[in-house]
Amino acid sequence: MANDLPLFYRTPQVLRFEEHKDLVLTQAPDFTFAAEANAIPLTVGEFMPAVRNFPIVFVSTGETVSTVAITGLKQGQNLFVKPDGTWAEDAYIPAYLRRYPFIFVEEQGVDRRILAVDTASERVKKASEAENGAPLFTDDGKAGEGAQPALQLCEALRLQFEKDVAFLKALVDQDLLVERHADMEFPDKSRYRLSGMRLVDPERYRALPAETLAEWHKSGWTDAIALHIASQGNWSLLLERNQKLTGLQAA
């Protein structure tokens, strides 16, 4: 793997039967690894289920633009991971989280992807250490019940991220993304500014030529932008969730 590891991954290793045949995946979901992440990568195809819970924003890393779901109002805060490591029952779980601890890696010089697993994950254990764990391999070296669903999810996520590239490039080329920040005041009178976000500027969007909007409509991009804009109403939901959780902790 490259030195710049994807978010949450610490020691990903390509799965090899000889080395990992005794590994299993624990059955109980555990999102503790994301407990301090206030932004989770999101594909455009997830805007529809995500719009119920999160503000959806764009972020830039160098020249790369991507979309994320905002899950916390401060750095180091995720309002959707419960103390026991489970995810809030009333909220959508982004595919990026559901994929972990698995990930695809590409063979150098070959257009081929191989499944890897983050061996630092608390869910990856030796069979002798986890009762009823799902094996990563079958006895004959094929993907076991612990890894087979991950193969399908990793492939679906890869295809969606690749599909998103054209949409994100179009937003940049049309200069529709503008820098924004969110200022919050909490019940204890403390303040916090969440910065580094980019949003679609509604006025610039409405000023696009009719033919451009028609093409974007055919591609489903106008729907994605509408969901993105609508999701900005969820900042108040995050404030309410934060207030509720803070009250519970203080009680």
C-alpha atoms as a PDB file:
ATOM      1  CA  MET A   1       0.000   0.000   0.000  1.00  0.00           C
ATOM      2  CA  ALA A   2       1.040   3.601  -0.510  1.00  0.00           C
ATOM      3  CA  ASN A   3       2.382   5.667   2.376  1.00  0.00           C
ATOM      4  CA  ASP A   4      -0.690   7.912   2.225  1.00  0.00           C
ATOM      5  CA  LEU A   5      -3.225   5.460   3.549  1.00  0.00           C
ATOM      6  CA  PRO A   6      -6.966   5.947   3.055  1.00  0.00           C
ATOM      7  CA  LEU A   7      -8.974   7.284   5.984  1.00  0.00           C
ATOM      8  CA  PHE A   8      -9.187   4.788   8.897  1.00  0.00           C
ATOM      9  CA  TYR A   9      -6.748   2.234   7.424  1.00  0.00           C
ATOM     10  CA  ARG A  10      -3.594   1.590   9.464  1.00  0.00           C
ATOM     11  CA  THR A  11      -2.040  -1.734   8.439  1.00  0.00           C
ATOM     12  CA  PRO A  12      -3.851  -3.006   5.326  1.00  0.00           C
ATOM     13  CA  GLN A  13      -2.529  -6.285   3.942  1.00  0.00           C
ATOM     14  CA  VAL A  14      -3.394  -8.078   0.725  1.00  0.00           C
ATOM     15  CA  LEU A  15      -5.308 -11.202   1.657  1.00  0.00           C
ATOM     16  CA  ARG A  16      -3.343 -14.383   0.956  1.00  0.00           C
ATOM     17  CA  PHE A  17      -4.615 -17.809   1.879  1.00  0.00           C
ATOM     18  CA  GLU A  18      -1.260 -19.041   3.158  1.00  0.00           C
ATOM     19  CA  GLU A  19      -0.891 -16.100   5.541  1.00  0.00           C
ATOM     20  CA  HIS A  20      -4.476 -15.371   6.539  1.00  0.00           C
ATOM     21  CA  LYS A  21      -6.370 -18.663   6.349  1.00  0.00           C
ATOM     22  CA  ASP A  22      -6.971 -18.622  10.114  1.00  0.00           C
ATOM     23  CA  LEU A  23      -8.464 -15.120  10.231  1.00  0.00           C
ATOM     24  CA  VAL A  24     -12.143 -14.390  10.815  1.00  0.00           C
ATOM     25  CA  LEU A  25     -14.346 -11.317  10.892  1.00  0.00           C
ATOM     26  CA  THR A  26     -16.336 -10.804  14.074  1.00  0.00           C
ATOM     27  CA  GLN A  27     -20.069 -10.688  13.444  1.00  0.00           C
ATOM     28  CA  ALA A  28     -21.052  -7.660  15.528  1.00  0.00           C
ATOM     29  CA  PRO A  29     -20.676  -4.321  13.671  1.00  0.00           C
ATOM     30  CA  ASP A  30     -18.237  -1.944  15.341  1.00  0.00           C
ATOM     31  CA  PHE A  31     -17.781   1.637  14.147  1.00  0.00           C
ATOM     32  CA  THR A  32     -15.440   2.697  16.948  1.00  0.00           C
ATOM     33  CA  PHE A  33     -12.777   3.327  14.305  1.00  0.00           C
ATOM     34  CA  ALA A  34     -14.888   6.260  13.036  1.00  0.00           C
ATOM     35  CA  ALA A  35     -15.838   7.695  16.437  1.00  0.00           C
ATOM     36  CA  GLU A  36     -13.651  10.776  15.952  1.00  0.00           C
ATOM     37  CA  ALA A  37     -14.395  11.394  12.268  1.00  0.00           C
ATOM     38  CA  ASN A  38     -16.649  14.390  11.658  1.00  0.00           C
ATOM     39  CA  ALA A  39     -16.682  13.831   7.881  1.00  0.00           C
ATOM     40  CA  ILE A  40     -17.174  10.512   6.057  1.00  0.00           C
ATOM     41  CA  PRO A  41     -16.499   9.943   2.326  1.00  0.00           C
ATOM     42  CA  LEU A  42     -19.732   9.646   0.376  1.00  0.00           C
ATOM     43  CA  THR A  43     -20.544   8.721  -3.210  1.00  0.00           C
ATOM     44  CA  VAL A  44     -23.003  10.725  -5.263  1.00  0.00           C
ATOM     45  CA  GLY A  45     -25.191   7.650  -5.496  1.00  0.00           C
ATOM     46  CA  GLU A  46     -25.651   7.838  -1.710  1.00  0.00           C
ATOM     47  CA  PHE A  47     -26.990  11.398  -1.661  1.00  0.00           C
ATOM     48  CA  MET A  48     -30.598  10.185  -1.589  1.00  0.00           C
ATOM     49  CA  PRO A  49     -30.395   8.113   1.633  1.00  0.00           C
ATOM     50  CA  ALA A  50     -27.821  10.458   3.204  1.00  0.00           C
ATOM     51  CA  VAL A  51     -29.934  13.594   2.747  1.00  0.00           C
ATOM     52  CA  ARG A  52     -32.149  12.520   5.648  1.00  0.00           C
ATOM     53  CA  ASN A  53     -29.339  12.862   8.191  1.00  0.00           C
ATOM     54  CA  PHE A  54     -26.246  14.743   7.110  1.00  0.00           C
ATOM     55  CA  PRO A  55     -25.124  17.966   5.485  1.00  0.00           C
ATOM     56  CA  ILE A  56     -23.446  16.860   2.237  1.00  0.00           C
ATOM     57  CA  VAL A  57     -20.484  19.012   1.236  1.00  0.00           C
ATOM     58  CA  PHE A  58     -17.505  19.002  -1.093  1.00  0.00           C
ATOM     59  CA  VAL A  59     -13.888  19.045   0.070  1.00  0.00           C
ATOM     60  CA  SER A  60     -10.619  19.520  -1.784  1.00  0.00           C
ATOM     61  CA  THR A  61      -7.339  17.671  -1.333  1.00  0.00           C
ATOM     62  CA  GLY A  62      -4.878  19.296  -3.676  1.00  0.00           C
ATOM     63  CA  GLU A  63      -6.611  19.265  -7.045  1.00  0.00           C
ATOM     64  CA  THR A  64      -8.953  16.442  -6.086  1.00  0.00           C
ATOM     65  CA  VAL A  65     -12.554  17.235  -5.123  1.00  0.00           C
ATOM     66  CA  SER A  66     -14.682  14.708  -3.269  1.00  0.00           C
ATOM     67  CA  THR A  67     -17.955  14.559  -1.372  1.00  0.00           C
ATOM     68  CA  VAL A  68     -18.398  13.866   2.336  1.00  0.00           C
ATOM     69  CA  ALA A  69     -21.201  13.549   4.840  1.00  0.00           C
ATOM     70  CA  ILE A  70     -20.726  15.781   7.881  1.00  0.00           C
ATOM     71  CA  THR A  71     -21.218  13.685  11.020  1.00  0.00           C
ATOM     72  CA  GLY A  72     -19.960  16.044  13.717  1.00  0.00           C
ATOM     73  CA  LEU A  73     -19.808  19.746  14.543  1.00  0.00           C
ATOM     74  CA  LYS A  74     -16.216  19.713  15.801  1.00  0.00           C
ATOM     75  CA  GLN A  75     -12.974  18.028  14.891  1.00  0.00           C
ATOM     76  CA  GLY A  76     -12.770  14.662  16.643  1.00  0.00           C
ATOM     77  CA  GLN A  77     -16.550  14.334  17.013  1.00  0.00           C
ATOM     78  CA  ASN A  78     -18.881  11.859  15.354  1.00  0.00           C
ATOM     79  CA  LEU A  79     -22.435  12.241  16.618  1.00  0.00           C
ATOM     80  CA  PHE A  80     -23.588   8.967  15.081  1.00  0.00           C
ATOM     81  CA  VAL A  81     -21.216   6.457  16.726  1.00  0.00           C
ATOM     82  CA  LYS A  82     -22.692   5.285  20.018  1.00  0.00           C
ATOM     83  CA  PRO A  83     -20.545   4.478  23.078  1.00  0.00           C
ATOM     84  CA  ASP A  84     -20.858   0.740  22.372  1.00  0.00           C
ATOM     85  CA  GLY A  85     -19.483   1.217  18.841  1.00  0.00           C
ATOM     86  CA  THR A  86     -22.794   0.754  17.039  1.00  0.00           C
ATOM     87  CA  TRP A  87     -24.187   3.316  14.585  1.00  0.00           C
ATOM     88  CA  ALA A  88     -27.242   5.414  15.403  1.00  0.00           C
ATOM     89  CA  GLU A  89     -30.310   3.377  14.459  1.00  0.00           C
ATOM     90  CA  ASP A  90     -32.077   6.318  12.831  1.00  0.00           C
ATOM     91  CA  ALA A  91     -29.252   7.203  10.469  1.00  0.00           C
ATOM     92  CA  TYR A  92     -27.851   5.998   7.149  1.00  0.00           C
ATOM     93  CA  ILE A  93     -24.475   4.229   7.263  1.00  0.00           C
ATOM     94  CA  PRO A  94     -22.193   5.381   4.406  1.00  0.00           C
ATOM     95  CA  ALA A  95     -20.817   2.569   2.259  1.00  0.00           C
ATOM     96  CA  TYR A  96     -17.259   3.698   3.012  1.00  0.00           C
ATOM     97  CA  LEU A  97     -17.832   2.690   6.644  1.00  0.00           C
ATOM     98  CA  ARG A  98     -19.626  -0.531   5.770  1.00  0.00           C
ATOM     99  CA  ARG A  99     -16.672  -1.538   3.608  1.00  0.00           C
ATOM    100  CA  TYR A 100     -14.124  -1.253   6.419  1.00  0.00           C
ATOM    101  CA  PRO A 101     -11.884  -3.121   7.267  1.00  0.00           C
ATOM    102  CA  PHE A 102     -11.681  -4.275   3.634  1.00  0.00           C
ATOM    103  CA  ILE A 103     -10.388  -2.342   0.643  1.00  0.00           C
ATOM    104  CA  PHE A 104      -9.240  -2.971  -2.919  1.00  0.00           C
ATOM    105  CA  VAL A 105      -5.604  -2.464  -3.880  1.00  0.00           C
ATOM    106  CA  GLU A 106      -4.329  -2.396  -7.444  1.00  0.00           C
ATOM    107  CA  GLU A 107      -1.460  -4.472  -8.691  1.00  0.00           C
ATOM    108  CA  GLN A 108       1.280  -2.287 -10.093  1.00  0.00           C
ATOM    109  CA  GLY A 109       1.358  -2.388 -13.871  1.00  0.00           C
ATOM    110  CA  VAL A 110      -1.744  -4.582 -14.051  1.00  0.00           C
ATOM    111  CA  ASP A 111      -5.392  -3.569 -14.326  1.00  0.00           C
ATOM    112  CA  ARG A 112      -6.384  -5.896 -11.523  1.00  0.00           C
ATOM    113  CA  ARG A 113      -7.703  -5.310  -8.036  1.00  0.00           C
ATOM    114  CA  ILE A 114      -7.004  -7.495  -5.013  1.00  0.00           C
ATOM    115  CA  LEU A 115      -8.890  -7.557  -1.736  1.00  0.00           C
ATOM    116  CA  ALA A 116      -6.950  -6.375   1.301  1.00  0.00           C
ATOM    117  CA  VAL A 117      -7.923  -6.124   4.955  1.00  0.00           C
ATOM    118  CA  ASP A 118      -6.795  -3.796   7.717  1.00  0.00           C
ATOM    119  CA  THR A 119      -5.325  -6.216  10.213  1.00  0.00           C
ATOM    120  CA  ALA A 120      -5.367  -3.447  12.836  1.00  0.00           C
ATOM    121  CA  SER A 121      -9.164  -3.614  12.912  1.00  0.00           C
ATOM    122  CA  GLU A 122     -10.680  -4.943  16.131  1.00  0.00           C
ATOM    123  CA  ARG A 123     -13.025  -7.043  13.993  1.00  0.00           C
ATOM    124  CA  VAL A 124     -10.203  -9.057  12.398  1.00  0.00           C
ATOM    125  CA  LYS A 125      -9.094 -11.851  14.688  1.00  0.00           C
ATOM    126  CA  LYS A 126      -7.721 -15.353  14.672  1.00  0.00           C
ATOM    127  CA  ALA A 127     -10.430 -18.005  14.671  1.00  0.00           C
ATOM    128  CA  SER A 128      -9.291 -19.186  18.097  1.00  0.00           C
ATOM    129  CA  GLU A 129      -9.906 -15.694  19.513  1.00  0.00           C
ATOM    130  CA  ALA A 130     -13.414 -15.043  18.154  1.00  0.00           C
ATOM    131  CA  GLU A 131     -16.396 -17.272  18.766  1.00  0.00           C
ATOM    132  CA  ASN A 132     -18.648 -17.580  15.703  1.00  0.00           C
ATOM    133  CA  GLY A 133     -16.392 -15.384  13.569  1.00  0.00           C
ATOM    134  CA  ALA A 134     -16.928 -15.450   9.807  1.00  0.00           C
ATOM    135  CA  PRO A 135     -13.883 -17.007   8.061  1.00  0.00           C
ATOM    136  CA  LEU A 136     -12.109 -14.868   5.471  1.00  0.00           C
ATOM    137  CA  PHE A 137     -11.258 -18.011   3.482  1.00  0.00           C
ATOM    138  CA  THR A 138     -12.883 -21.341   2.786  1.00  0.00           C
ATOM    139  CA  ASP A 139     -10.840 -24.495   3.280  1.00  0.00           C
ATOM    140  CA  ASP A 140     -10.017 -24.587  -0.436  1.00  0.00           C
ATOM    141  CA  GLY A 141      -8.704 -21.001  -0.498  1.00  0.00           C
ATOM    142  CA  LYS A 142     -11.723 -19.146  -1.889  1.00  0.00           C
ATOM    143  CA  ALA A 143     -13.297 -16.048  -0.336  1.00  0.00           C
ATOM    144  CA  GLY A 144     -15.178 -17.106   2.779  1.00  0.00           C
ATOM    145  CA  GLU A 145     -18.356 -15.712   4.294  1.00  0.00           C
ATOM    146  CA  GLY A 146     -16.370 -12.989   6.017  1.00  0.00           C
ATOM    147  CA  ALA A 147     -14.783 -11.705   2.811  1.00  0.00           C
ATOM    148  CA  GLN A 148     -17.253 -12.515   0.031  1.00  0.00           C
ATOM    149  CA  PRO A 149     -19.704  -9.668   0.789  1.00  0.00           C
ATOM    150  CA  ALA A 150     -16.738  -7.294   1.027  1.00  0.00           C
ATOM    151  CA  LEU A 151     -15.676  -8.184  -2.503  1.00  0.00           C
ATOM    152  CA  GLN A 152     -19.063  -7.157  -3.825  1.00  0.00           C
ATOM    153  CA  LEU A 153     -19.218  -3.955  -1.776  1.00  0.00           C
ATOM    154  CA  CYS A 154     -15.671  -2.913  -2.683  1.00  0.00           C
ATOM    155  CA  GLU A 155     -16.429  -3.380  -6.378  1.00  0.00           C
ATOM    156  CA  ALA A 156     -19.699  -1.428  -6.163  1.00  0.00           C
ATOM    157  CA  LEU A 157     -17.985   1.393  -4.298  1.00  0.00           C
ATOM    158  CA  ARG A 158     -15.109   1.500  -6.780  1.00  0.00           C
ATOM    159  CA  LEU A 159     -17.475   1.782  -9.727  1.00  0.00           C
ATOM    160  CA  GLN A 160     -19.488   4.543  -8.046  1.00  0.00           C
ATOM    161  CA  PHE A 161     -16.385   6.584  -7.186  1.00  0.00           C
ATOM    162  CA  GLU A 162     -15.225   6.262 -10.801  1.00  0.00           C
ATOM    163  CA  LYS A 163     -18.651   7.388 -12.016  1.00  0.00           C
ATOM    164  CA  ASP A 164     -18.503  10.427  -9.732  1.00  0.00           C
ATOM    165  CA  VAL A 165     -15.326  11.767 -11.352  1.00  0.00           C
ATOM    166  CA  ALA A 166     -17.146  13.295 -14.327  1.00  0.00           C
ATOM    167  CA  PHE A 167     -19.713  15.009 -12.095  1.00  0.00           C
ATOM    168  CA  LEU A 168     -17.086  16.489  -9.791  1.00  0.00           C
ATOM    169  CA  LYS A 169     -15.002  17.667 -12.739  1.00  0.00           C
ATOM    170  CA  ALA A 170     -18.043  19.374 -14.256  1.00  0.00           C
ATOM    171  CA  LEU A 171     -18.681  21.280 -11.022  1.00  0.00           C
ATOM    172  CA  VAL A 172     -15.090  22.503 -10.980  1.00  0.00           C
ATOM    173  CA  ASP A 173     -15.010  23.343 -14.701  1.00  0.00           C
ATOM    174  CA  GLN A 174     -18.189  25.415 -14.338  1.00  0.00           C
ATOM    175  CA  ASP A 175     -16.772  27.145 -11.228  1.00  0.00           C
ATOM    176  CA  LEU A 176     -19.833  26.257  -9.160  1.00  0.00           C
ATOM    177  CA  LEU A 177     -18.086  25.393  -5.888  1.00  0.00           C
ATOM    178  CA  VAL A 178     -17.494  28.143  -3.343  1.00  0.00           C
ATOM    179  CA  GLU A 179     -15.686  28.079  -0.001  1.00  0.00           C
ATOM    180  CA  ARG A 180     -17.956  28.142   3.036  1.00  0.00           C
ATOM    181  CA  HIS A 181     -17.683  27.653   6.784  1.00  0.00           C
ATOM    182  CA  ALA A 182     -20.184  26.890   9.523  1.00  0.00           C
ATOM    183  CA  ASP A 183     -20.212  28.854  12.776  1.00  0.00           C
ATOM    184  CA  MET A 184     -21.821  27.101  15.733  1.00  0.00           C
ATOM    185  CA  GLU A 185     -22.726  28.286  19.196  1.00  0.00           C
ATOM    186  CA  PHE A 186     -23.380  25.540  21.718  1.00  0.00           C
ATOM    187  CA  PRO A 187     -25.627  25.589  24.817  1.00  0.00           C
ATOM    188  CA  ASP A 188     -22.586  26.234  27.047  1.00  0.00           C
ATOM    189  CA  LYS A 189     -21.934  29.406  24.971  1.00  0.00           C
ATOM    190  CA  SER A 190     -18.805  27.918  23.409  1.00  0.00           C
ATOM    191  CA  ARG A 191     -18.284  28.595  19.728  1.00  0.00           C
ATOM    192  CA  TYR A 192     -16.687  26.578  16.962  1.00  0.00           C
ATOM    193  CA  ARG A 193     -16.028  27.223  13.292  1.00  0.00           C
ATOM    194  CA  LEU A 194     -16.043  24.272  10.888  1.00  0.00           C
ATOM    195  CA  SER A 195     -14.131  25.275   7.773  1.00  0.00           C
ATOM    196  CA  GLY A 196     -12.671  23.708   4.642  1.00  0.00           C
ATOM    197  CA  MET A 197     -16.026  23.037   3.001  1.00  0.00           C
ATOM    198  CA  ARG A 198     -17.152  23.844  -0.516  1.00  0.00           C
ATOM    199  CA  LEU A 199     -20.777  24.164  -1.588  1.00  0.00           C
ATOM    200  CA  VAL A 200     -22.551  24.606  -4.902  1.00  0.00           C
ATOM    201  CA  ASP A 201     -23.408  28.282  -5.347  1.00  0.00           C
ATOM    202  CA  PRO A 202     -27.149  28.350  -6.187  1.00  0.00           C
ATOM    203  CA  GLU A 203     -26.934  31.573  -8.212  1.00  0.00           C
ATOM    204  CA  ARG A 204     -24.071  30.303 -10.382  1.00  0.00           C
ATOM    205  CA  TYR A 205     -25.926  27.023 -10.804  1.00  0.00           C
ATOM    206  CA  ARG A 206     -29.131  28.730 -11.943  1.00  0.00           C
ATOM    207  CA  ALA A 207     -27.110  30.829 -14.402  1.00  0.00           C
ATOM    208  CA  LEU A 208     -25.847  27.802 -16.331  1.00  0.00           C
ATOM    209  CA  PRO A 209     -26.904  27.665 -20.005  1.00  0.00           C
ATOM    210  CA  ALA A 210     -30.119  25.768 -20.658  1.00  0.00           C
ATOM    211  CA  GLU A 211     -28.338  23.213 -22.827  1.00  0.00           C
ATOM    212  CA  THR A 212     -25.878  22.460 -20.019  1.00  0.00           C
ATOM    213  CA  LEU A 213     -28.690  21.985 -17.519  1.00  0.00           C
ATOM    214  CA  ALA A 214     -30.493  19.711 -19.982  1.00  0.00           C
ATOM    215  CA  GLU A 215     -27.408  17.493 -20.298  1.00  0.00           C
ATOM    216  CA  TRP A 216     -26.896  17.454 -16.550  1.00  0.00           C
ATOM    217  CA  HIS A 217     -30.532  16.492 -16.063  1.00  0.00           C
ATOM    218  CA  LYS A 218     -30.064  13.489 -18.351  1.00  0.00           C
ATOM    219  CA  SER A 219     -27.042  12.420 -16.307  1.00  0.00           C
ATOM    220  CA  GLY A 220     -28.877  12.772 -13.002  1.00  0.00           C
ATOM    221  CA  TRP A 221     -26.538  15.538 -11.909  1.00  0.00           C
ATOM    222  CA  THR A 222     -29.298  18.088 -11.334  1.00  0.00           C
ATOM    223  CA  ASP A 223     -30.875  15.648  -8.868  1.00  0.00           C
ATOM    224  CA  ALA A 224     -27.558  15.303  -7.044  1.00  0.00           C
ATOM    225  CA  ILE A 225     -27.156  19.072  -6.790  1.00  0.00           C
ATOM    226  CA  ALA A 226     -30.715  19.473  -5.502  1.00  0.00           C
ATOM    227  CA  LEU A 227     -30.059  16.864  -2.806  1.00  0.00           C
ATOM    228  CA  HIS A 228     -26.769  18.550  -1.884  1.00  0.00           C
ATOM    229  CA  ILE A 229     -28.471  21.931  -1.511  1.00  0.00           C
ATOM    230  CA  ALA A 230     -31.388  20.448   0.444  1.00  0.00           C
ATOM    231  CA  SER A 231     -28.982  18.679   2.818  1.00  0.00           C
ATOM    232  CA  GLN A 232     -27.716  22.006   4.163  1.00  0.00           C
ATOM    233  CA  GLY A 233     -30.878  22.099   6.267  1.00  0.00           C
ATOM    234  CA  ASN A 234     -29.410  19.246   8.302  1.00  0.00           C
ATOM    235  CA  TRP A 235     -27.031  21.501  10.229  1.00  0.00           C
ATOM    236  CA  SER A 236     -29.900  22.135  12.632  1.00  0.00           C
ATOM    237  CA  LEU A 237     -30.376  18.368  13.009  1.00  0.00           C
ATOM    238  CA  LEU A 238     -26.717  18.010  13.991  1.00  0.00           C
ATOM    239  CA  LEU A 239     -27.090  20.800  16.553  1.00  0.00           C
ATOM    240  CA  GLU A 240     -30.143  19.051  18.007  1.00  0.00           C
ATOM    241  CA  ARG A 241     -28.357  15.698  18.109  1.00  0.00           C
ATOM    242  CA  ASN A 242     -25.331  17.314  19.750  1.00  0.00           C
ATOM    243  CA  GLN A 243     -27.511  19.005  22.373  1.00  0.00           C
ATOM    244  CA  LYS A 244     -29.343  15.782  23.114  1.00  0.00           C
ATOM    245  CA  LEU A 245     -26.156  13.744  23.469  1.00  0.00           C
ATOM    246  CA  THR A 246     -24.489  16.411  25.568  1.00  0.00           C
ATOM    247  CA  GLY A 247     -27.500  16.478  27.875  1.00  0.00           C
ATOM    248  CA  LEU A 248     -27.439  12.717  28.257  1.00  0.00           C
ATOM    249  CA  GLN A 249     -23.740  12.724  29.112  1.00  0.00           C
ATOM    250  CA  ALA A 250     -24.243  15.462  31.706  1.00  0.00           C
ATOM    251  CA  ALA A 251     -27.194  13.704  33.333  1.00  0.00           C
END
